[in-house]
C-alpha cells in the first residue's frame, strides 16, 4: 500500500476549497462584512466606475466612515441573507472586522481603505486553489488581509493558496486623459498595460472554461497573467461588453447552469459572444424594476442591472431580491425556484448577492461543458 498516496487522497477529499462553476450545489461560502466600512479614497479609477450622483458624493466624503443611516439597513439585510444561507444548509464564513479608516501607504502613494463587503472581487477559486487578485483600486490594496485567518485555515486543511503579483499602482497604470465614452463611441479603459491587474469579479467559471470581460479594473495584461498561471488545463475566453464604464461581469452575463446563460441586453450582443457560448440557451434578463427611493438612488455604487446579481444555490434554486419582481417571475418561467431575500441597501457597499459572497465549496468535479 502506498501510504503517501493514501494520505494525499485523504487531504484532497477533506479539502475545504472545491469549486469549479457557479451552479453546483453550494456547501460553503464566504460572506462579506460592513463593520469598519469607509467611503473609498478619491482616485480616478474609483470615480469612473460609480454612477453620477454617488460619484460626486463619494469624492466629497472620501475617507470618512459610511453613515449609520446607510450601514444599519444594509446590515439588517446582510444578517437576513446569512440566516437564509445557513437555513439552506450552507456553511458561512466571515472575514475579520477591520478599521478601514486607517491610513496606509507605499513608497509611491497613500490611501485609506474601503470595506470587505465583496469577497467576490479579491479572490478567485479554481478547484482546490484560492487566489488573491491584484486589484486596481488603491483603497483595496490590503483588503485580503481581513481574510487571512480564513485563508490560513484553508491552507492548513489542504487548499492551495496563491497570490498574484502585488501591483505598484503608480500613475503609469492609469491613463491621465481618460474620459468615459459617449453613447455610440468605442469602449475605452482607464487602465494602461503597465502591469497586470484584475478583479476576480470580472471572471466567471464554467469548469475548464473561464470567461472574462476586460474593464476599468481588469486589463489585458492581467487576463494574460491568469491564463499563463492556470496553464493548459483551462481556457480563458474574453467576452465583449458594451457597458460604457465596465467593472465586473456579474451584471453583464452570468451562467445559470450547463447550457444556460443569463445576459444583459444593453451590454451583450449575442452575435458577438465567443462561439462556444453560442451553443447555449441565451436567457435575456428582464428590464429591472425601478428603484424610486431617492436615498438608494444617490448612495448606490452600482447600476440598475444589479437585478442580475443573483446567487445560485444549485441548478434549480436561486436567491433573488424580491423588489425585482420581473426577475422573480422570469426565473419561475425559466423553471427555477427563486428564493426571495431583501438586499437593496447593500448596493451602497458595492453589489448584491453574487458580489457579497465567494463560493468556496460546491459539490462537484472539474468538467468541460463545451
Foldseek 3Di string as FASTA:
>chain_A
DPPVVVVLVVLLVQQLFFDFFQFFFFAEKEFEDQAQFFLWADDVLQLLQFDDLQSVVSNVRHLHRDDPVLPVVQVVLSVQVVVVCVVVNHHYDYFARDNQSDKDDDPADITGAGGGQFPLFQWDGHGLEIEGFQWQRPNCQCVCVRVVVVVVVSVVSRGHYYYDDHDPNHPQQFDPPDDQDDPPDDADERGDVPDFGGTNQQWGGDFQEIEGEDFNTGHPRNVVVVDVVVPPSHHYYYFFWPPRHDDGCQLAKGALDQQEIEGEVNIHDLVRGPPVNVSGHYHYQDQFDDDPPPVLVNLFRDDRSLQSQWGHSHSAEIEGAVNRVSRCVVSVVVRHHYDHGHNSSCRSSPGGDNRRMDRRDGPDHRDDSD
